Amino acid sequence: MRPKQKVETFPDGVVAVYQPADGRKVGKRKCILRFEEQSVGINRFYQAQASAGTDRIDRVIKVPRTKLVSAQDIAVVLTDGKQYRIKRIQVKPERGVSLWELQSVQVSIEEEDKNANHSD
């Protein structure tokens, strides 16, 4: 018999991922993904503080695995508008998902070349 494979769901919202840009802006949008909230957990929270000085982990989300996203990208949760810098990506290859640790960041959502995506 085959072992039962867990079906991953991402029911908690949608996140848009942007390239970081100079100043207080973000670059081009890289992708939009559905996500599931994860518990930050006390150990993960304090390990982040101890290893990175003033860094903190405000949110952890699970998303479908993709090669389009990298650490330091900006994640904007579309359901609440909160903006985060992606601090860490933990890949779970056996489950086909990535866990992202997110740190709060204040940026202005102004995409570069905003009108380049529209054709005449």
N, C-alpha and C. Protein backbone atom coordinates (compact mmCIF):
# COMPACT_ATOMS: atom_id res chain seq x y z
N MET A 1 0.82 -1.19 0.00
CA MET A 1 0.00 0.00 0.00
C MET A 1 0.87 1.25 0.00
N ARG A 2 0.40 2.24 -0.69
CA ARG A 2 1.08 3.54 -0.69
C ARG A 2 0.78 4.29 0.61
N PRO A 3 1.78 4.99 1.14
CA PRO A 3 1.49 5.82 2.31
C PRO A 3 0.60 6.98 1.89
N LYS A 4 -0.27 7.40 2.81
CA LYS A 4 -1.15 8.52 2.51
C LYS A 4 -0.33 9.81 2.44
N GLN A 5 -0.51 10.54 1.36
CA GLN A 5 0.19 11.81 1.19
C GLN A 5 -0.73 12.93 1.64
N LYS A 6 -0.19 13.82 2.45
CA LYS A 6 -0.97 14.96 2.93
C LYS A 6 -1.16 15.96 1.80
N VAL A 7 -2.37 16.44 1.65
CA VAL A 7 -2.66 17.46 0.66
C VAL A 7 -2.45 18.82 1.32
N GLU A 8 -1.58 19.63 0.75
CA GLU A 8 -1.30 20.95 1.30
C GLU A 8 -2.37 21.93 0.85
N THR A 9 -2.82 22.75 1.77
CA THR A 9 -3.78 23.80 1.44
C THR A 9 -3.21 25.14 1.89
N PHE A 10 -3.67 26.19 1.27
CA PHE A 10 -3.19 27.53 1.56
C PHE A 10 -4.40 28.46 1.69
N PRO A 11 -5.19 28.26 2.76
CA PRO A 11 -6.50 28.92 2.85
C PRO A 11 -6.52 30.29 3.52
N ASP A 12 -5.37 30.77 4.01
CA ASP A 12 -5.41 31.95 4.87
C ASP A 12 -5.27 33.29 4.17
N GLY A 13 -4.87 33.30 2.91
CA GLY A 13 -4.76 34.59 2.23
C GLY A 13 -3.87 34.55 1.02
N VAL A 14 -3.58 35.75 0.53
CA VAL A 14 -2.77 35.92 -0.67
C VAL A 14 -1.65 36.90 -0.35
N VAL A 15 -0.45 36.59 -0.84
CA VAL A 15 0.71 37.45 -0.63
C VAL A 15 1.33 37.79 -1.98
N ALA A 16 1.67 39.06 -2.17
CA ALA A 16 2.39 39.50 -3.37
C ALA A 16 3.84 39.69 -2.97
N VAL A 17 4.76 39.25 -3.83
CA VAL A 17 6.18 39.34 -3.54
C VAL A 17 6.83 40.29 -4.54
N TYR A 18 7.60 41.23 -4.00
CA TYR A 18 8.26 42.26 -4.81
C TYR A 18 9.77 42.20 -4.63
N GLN A 19 10.49 42.61 -5.66
CA GLN A 19 11.94 42.77 -5.55
C GLN A 19 12.21 43.97 -4.66
N PRO A 20 13.27 43.92 -3.86
CA PRO A 20 13.63 45.13 -3.11
C PRO A 20 14.21 46.16 -4.07
N ALA A 21 14.02 47.44 -3.76
CA ALA A 21 14.57 48.52 -4.58
C ALA A 21 15.21 49.54 -3.66
N ASP A 22 15.88 50.51 -4.25
CA ASP A 22 16.53 51.56 -3.47
C ASP A 22 15.51 52.42 -2.76
N GLY A 23 15.93 52.98 -1.65
CA GLY A 23 15.07 53.90 -0.94
C GLY A 23 13.93 53.18 -0.24
N ARG A 24 12.79 53.84 -0.16
CA ARG A 24 11.64 53.31 0.55
C ARG A 24 10.60 52.77 -0.41
N LYS A 25 11.03 52.20 -1.52
CA LYS A 25 10.13 51.67 -2.53
C LYS A 25 10.43 50.20 -2.76
N VAL A 26 9.56 49.56 -3.49
CA VAL A 26 9.81 48.19 -3.91
C VAL A 26 9.95 48.17 -5.42
N GLY A 27 10.60 47.14 -5.89
CA GLY A 27 10.78 46.98 -7.33
C GLY A 27 9.59 46.30 -7.98
N LYS A 28 9.87 45.56 -9.01
CA LYS A 28 8.82 44.87 -9.77
C LYS A 28 8.23 43.73 -8.96
N ARG A 29 6.95 43.49 -9.22
CA ARG A 29 6.29 42.36 -8.58
C ARG A 29 6.81 41.08 -9.22
N LYS A 30 7.17 40.12 -8.38
CA LYS A 30 7.71 38.85 -8.85
C LYS A 30 6.62 37.79 -8.99
N CYS A 31 5.70 37.74 -8.03
CA CYS A 31 4.64 36.73 -8.08
C CYS A 31 3.59 37.01 -7.03
N ILE A 32 2.48 36.30 -7.14
CA ILE A 32 1.42 36.32 -6.15
C ILE A 32 1.14 34.87 -5.78
N LEU A 33 1.09 34.60 -4.47
CA LEU A 33 0.91 33.23 -3.98
C LEU A 33 -0.14 33.18 -2.88
N ARG A 34 -0.81 32.06 -2.77
CA ARG A 34 -1.69 31.81 -1.62
C ARG A 34 -0.81 31.32 -0.47
N PHE A 35 -1.26 31.53 0.78
CA PHE A 35 -0.46 31.09 1.92
C PHE A 35 -1.32 30.55 3.05
N GLU A 36 -0.64 29.86 3.97
CA GLU A 36 -1.24 29.40 5.22
C GLU A 36 -0.40 29.95 6.36
N GLU A 37 -1.06 30.50 7.38
CA GLU A 37 -0.37 31.02 8.56
C GLU A 37 0.29 29.87 9.32
N GLN A 38 1.44 30.14 9.90
CA GLN A 38 2.13 29.19 10.76
C GLN A 38 2.41 29.87 12.09
N SER A 39 2.60 29.08 13.11
CA SER A 39 2.93 29.63 14.42
C SER A 39 4.38 30.09 14.43
N VAL A 40 4.64 31.29 14.96
CA VAL A 40 6.02 31.77 15.06
C VAL A 40 6.76 30.91 16.07
N GLY A 41 6.16 30.60 17.17
CA GLY A 41 6.79 29.75 18.18
C GLY A 41 7.84 30.49 18.97
N ILE A 42 7.89 30.24 20.24
CA ILE A 42 8.80 30.96 21.13
C ILE A 42 10.27 30.66 20.81
N ASN A 43 10.59 29.41 20.47
CA ASN A 43 11.99 29.07 20.16
C ASN A 43 12.46 29.78 18.90
N ARG A 44 11.65 29.77 17.85
CA ARG A 44 12.00 30.43 16.60
C ARG A 44 12.17 31.94 16.82
N PHE A 45 11.28 32.53 17.61
CA PHE A 45 11.32 33.97 17.89
C PHE A 45 12.63 34.34 18.58
N TYR A 46 12.99 33.62 19.65
CA TYR A 46 14.21 33.96 20.39
C TYR A 46 15.48 33.59 19.65
N GLN A 47 15.46 32.52 18.86
CA GLN A 47 16.62 32.18 18.05
C GLN A 47 16.90 33.27 17.03
N ALA A 48 15.87 33.85 16.44
CA ALA A 48 16.05 34.93 15.48
C ALA A 48 16.67 36.14 16.15
N GLN A 49 16.23 36.48 17.34
CA GLN A 49 16.80 37.62 18.05
C GLN A 49 18.25 37.37 18.43
N ALA A 50 18.56 36.16 18.91
CA ALA A 50 19.91 35.85 19.37
C ALA A 50 20.90 35.81 18.22
N SER A 51 20.48 35.28 17.07
CA SER A 51 21.42 35.11 15.97
C SER A 51 21.61 36.36 15.13
N ALA A 52 20.64 37.24 15.15
CA ALA A 52 20.72 38.39 14.25
C ALA A 52 20.67 39.73 14.98
N GLY A 53 20.88 39.73 16.28
CA GLY A 53 20.89 40.99 17.00
C GLY A 53 19.51 41.59 17.16
N THR A 54 19.20 42.58 16.35
CA THR A 54 17.92 43.27 16.51
C THR A 54 16.82 42.70 15.62
N ASP A 55 17.13 41.72 14.79
CA ASP A 55 16.10 41.15 13.92
C ASP A 55 15.05 40.43 14.75
N ARG A 56 13.85 40.42 14.24
CA ARG A 56 12.78 39.68 14.89
C ARG A 56 11.93 39.02 13.82
N ILE A 57 11.23 38.00 14.22
CA ILE A 57 10.33 37.31 13.32
C ILE A 57 8.91 37.67 13.74
N ASP A 58 8.18 38.36 12.86
CA ASP A 58 6.82 38.79 13.17
C ASP A 58 5.77 37.81 12.66
N ARG A 59 6.10 37.07 11.62
CA ARG A 59 5.09 36.21 11.01
C ARG A 59 5.80 35.08 10.28
N VAL A 60 5.16 33.93 10.24
CA VAL A 60 5.65 32.80 9.45
C VAL A 60 4.48 32.32 8.60
N ILE A 61 4.73 32.18 7.31
CA ILE A 61 3.69 31.66 6.41
C ILE A 61 4.24 30.50 5.61
N LYS A 62 3.33 29.63 5.19
CA LYS A 62 3.66 28.49 4.34
C LYS A 62 3.07 28.77 2.97
N VAL A 63 3.88 28.61 1.93
CA VAL A 63 3.45 28.87 0.55
C VAL A 63 3.87 27.71 -0.34
N PRO A 64 3.27 27.59 -1.53
CA PRO A 64 3.77 26.59 -2.47
C PRO A 64 5.22 26.90 -2.81
N ARG A 65 6.00 25.88 -3.01
CA ARG A 65 7.42 26.07 -3.31
C ARG A 65 7.59 26.73 -4.67
N THR A 66 8.48 27.74 -4.72
CA THR A 66 8.77 28.44 -5.96
C THR A 66 10.21 28.94 -5.95
N LYS A 67 10.80 29.02 -7.11
CA LYS A 67 12.16 29.54 -7.23
C LYS A 67 12.16 31.04 -7.52
N LEU A 68 10.98 31.65 -7.59
CA LEU A 68 10.87 33.07 -7.93
C LEU A 68 11.19 33.99 -6.75
N VAL A 69 11.19 33.46 -5.55
CA VAL A 69 11.33 34.28 -4.35
C VAL A 69 12.65 34.01 -3.67
N SER A 70 13.24 35.07 -3.09
CA SER A 70 14.48 34.91 -2.35
C SER A 70 14.43 35.74 -1.07
N ALA A 71 15.32 35.44 -0.14
CA ALA A 71 15.39 36.21 1.09
C ALA A 71 15.69 37.66 0.74
N GLN A 72 15.17 38.57 1.52
CA GLN A 72 15.26 40.02 1.36
C GLN A 72 14.21 40.59 0.42
N ASP A 73 13.45 39.75 -0.29
CA ASP A 73 12.32 40.26 -1.07
C ASP A 73 11.30 40.84 -0.10
N ILE A 74 10.37 41.63 -0.63
CA ILE A 74 9.31 42.23 0.17
C ILE A 74 8.01 41.47 -0.07
N ALA A 75 7.38 41.02 1.00
CA ALA A 75 6.10 40.32 0.92
C ALA A 75 5.01 41.25 1.42
N VAL A 76 3.96 41.40 0.63
CA VAL A 76 2.82 42.22 1.02
C VAL A 76 1.61 41.32 1.10
N VAL A 77 1.06 41.19 2.30
CA VAL A 77 -0.12 40.37 2.50
C VAL A 77 -1.32 41.17 2.00
N LEU A 78 -1.96 40.68 0.95
CA LEU A 78 -3.00 41.45 0.29
C LEU A 78 -4.28 41.56 1.11
N THR A 79 -4.51 40.62 2.02
CA THR A 79 -5.74 40.67 2.81
C THR A 79 -5.71 41.76 3.88
N ASP A 80 -4.52 42.11 4.39
CA ASP A 80 -4.45 43.15 5.42
C ASP A 80 -3.49 44.28 5.08
N GLY A 81 -2.76 44.18 3.97
CA GLY A 81 -1.86 45.24 3.53
C GLY A 81 -0.54 45.32 4.28
N LYS A 82 -0.30 44.41 5.22
CA LYS A 82 0.95 44.45 5.99
C LYS A 82 2.12 44.05 5.11
N GLN A 83 3.25 44.72 5.36
CA GLN A 83 4.45 44.53 4.54
C GLN A 83 5.57 43.92 5.38
N TYR A 84 6.27 42.96 4.79
CA TYR A 84 7.32 42.26 5.50
C TYR A 84 8.52 42.04 4.59
N ARG A 85 9.70 42.00 5.19
CA ARG A 85 10.89 41.57 4.47
C ARG A 85 11.04 40.08 4.74
N ILE A 86 11.28 39.31 3.71
CA ILE A 86 11.47 37.87 3.89
C ILE A 86 12.87 37.66 4.45
N LYS A 87 12.94 37.14 5.66
CA LYS A 87 14.21 36.95 6.33
C LYS A 87 14.79 35.57 6.09
N ARG A 88 13.94 34.59 5.95
CA ARG A 88 14.43 33.22 5.81
C ARG A 88 13.42 32.40 5.03
N ILE A 89 13.92 31.53 4.18
CA ILE A 89 13.07 30.59 3.46
C ILE A 89 13.55 29.20 3.82
N GLN A 90 12.65 28.42 4.37
CA GLN A 90 12.96 27.04 4.74
C GLN A 90 12.17 26.14 3.82
N VAL A 91 12.87 25.36 3.03
CA VAL A 91 12.23 24.49 2.05
C VAL A 91 11.92 23.14 2.69
N LYS A 92 10.71 22.69 2.46
CA LYS A 92 10.28 21.36 2.90
C LYS A 92 10.06 20.52 1.65
N PRO A 93 11.14 19.97 1.05
CA PRO A 93 11.01 19.29 -0.24
C PRO A 93 10.09 18.09 -0.21
N GLU A 94 10.02 17.41 0.91
CA GLU A 94 9.15 16.24 0.97
C GLU A 94 7.68 16.62 0.92
N ARG A 95 7.38 17.88 1.22
CA ARG A 95 6.00 18.34 1.19
C ARG A 95 5.74 19.31 0.05
N GLY A 96 6.79 19.73 -0.66
CA GLY A 96 6.60 20.63 -1.79
C GLY A 96 6.22 22.04 -1.39
N VAL A 97 6.62 22.46 -0.16
CA VAL A 97 6.27 23.80 0.31
C VAL A 97 7.50 24.51 0.84
N SER A 98 7.37 25.81 1.02
CA SER A 98 8.40 26.63 1.66
C SER A 98 7.78 27.33 2.85
N LEU A 99 8.55 27.46 3.92
CA LEU A 99 8.13 28.26 5.06
C LEU A 99 8.95 29.55 5.03
N TRP A 100 8.28 30.68 5.12
CA TRP A 100 8.97 31.96 5.12
C TRP A 100 8.88 32.58 6.48
N GLU A 101 10.00 33.07 7.00
CA GLU A 101 10.00 33.86 8.21
C GLU A 101 10.03 35.32 7.77
N LEU A 102 9.10 36.09 8.28
CA LEU A 102 8.92 37.46 7.81
C LEU A 102 9.17 38.45 8.95
N GLN A 103 9.86 39.52 8.61
CA GLN A 103 10.12 40.60 9.56
C GLN A 103 9.41 41.85 9.07
N SER A 104 8.78 42.61 9.96
CA SER A 104 8.09 43.83 9.57
C SER A 104 9.06 44.81 8.91
N VAL A 105 8.57 45.48 7.89
CA VAL A 105 9.36 46.50 7.21
C VAL A 105 8.39 47.55 6.69
N GLN A 106 8.77 48.80 6.75
CA GLN A 106 7.93 49.87 6.23
C GLN A 106 8.48 50.29 4.88
N VAL A 107 7.72 50.08 3.85
CA VAL A 107 8.10 50.50 2.50
C VAL A 107 6.88 51.07 1.81
N SER A 108 7.12 51.81 0.77
CA SER A 108 6.04 52.35 -0.03
C SER A 108 5.82 51.44 -1.22
N ILE A 109 4.61 50.97 -1.41
CA ILE A 109 4.34 50.05 -2.52
C ILE A 109 4.13 50.86 -3.79
N GLU A 110 5.22 51.09 -4.46
CA GLU A 110 5.20 51.75 -5.77
C GLU A 110 6.07 50.90 -6.67
N GLU A 111 5.43 50.15 -7.54
CA GLU A 111 6.18 49.27 -8.43
C GLU A 111 6.95 50.09 -9.45
N GLU A 112 8.19 49.65 -9.73
CA GLU A 112 8.96 50.25 -10.81
C GLU A 112 8.33 49.84 -12.13
N ASP A 113 8.36 50.72 -13.10
CA ASP A 113 7.81 50.44 -14.42
C ASP A 113 6.36 49.96 -14.31
N LYS A 114 5.60 50.62 -13.47
CA LYS A 114 4.21 50.22 -13.21
C LYS A 114 3.38 50.12 -14.49
N ASN A 115 3.59 51.04 -15.40
CA ASN A 115 2.80 51.06 -16.62
C ASN A 115 3.36 50.14 -17.71
N ALA A 116 4.53 49.55 -17.47
CA ALA A 116 5.13 48.69 -18.49
C ALA A 116 4.34 47.41 -18.69
N ASN A 117 3.53 47.03 -17.68
CA ASN A 117 2.76 45.80 -17.78
C ASN A 117 1.48 45.98 -18.60
N HIS A 118 1.13 47.20 -18.93
CA HIS A 118 -0.10 47.48 -19.69
C HIS A 118 0.26 47.71 -21.15
N SER A 119 -0.45 47.07 -22.04
CA SER A 119 -0.21 47.29 -23.47
C SER A 119 -1.22 48.28 -24.00
N ASP A 120 -0.85 49.00 -25.05
CA ASP A 120 -1.74 50.01 -25.64
C ASP A 120 -2.80 49.37 -26.50
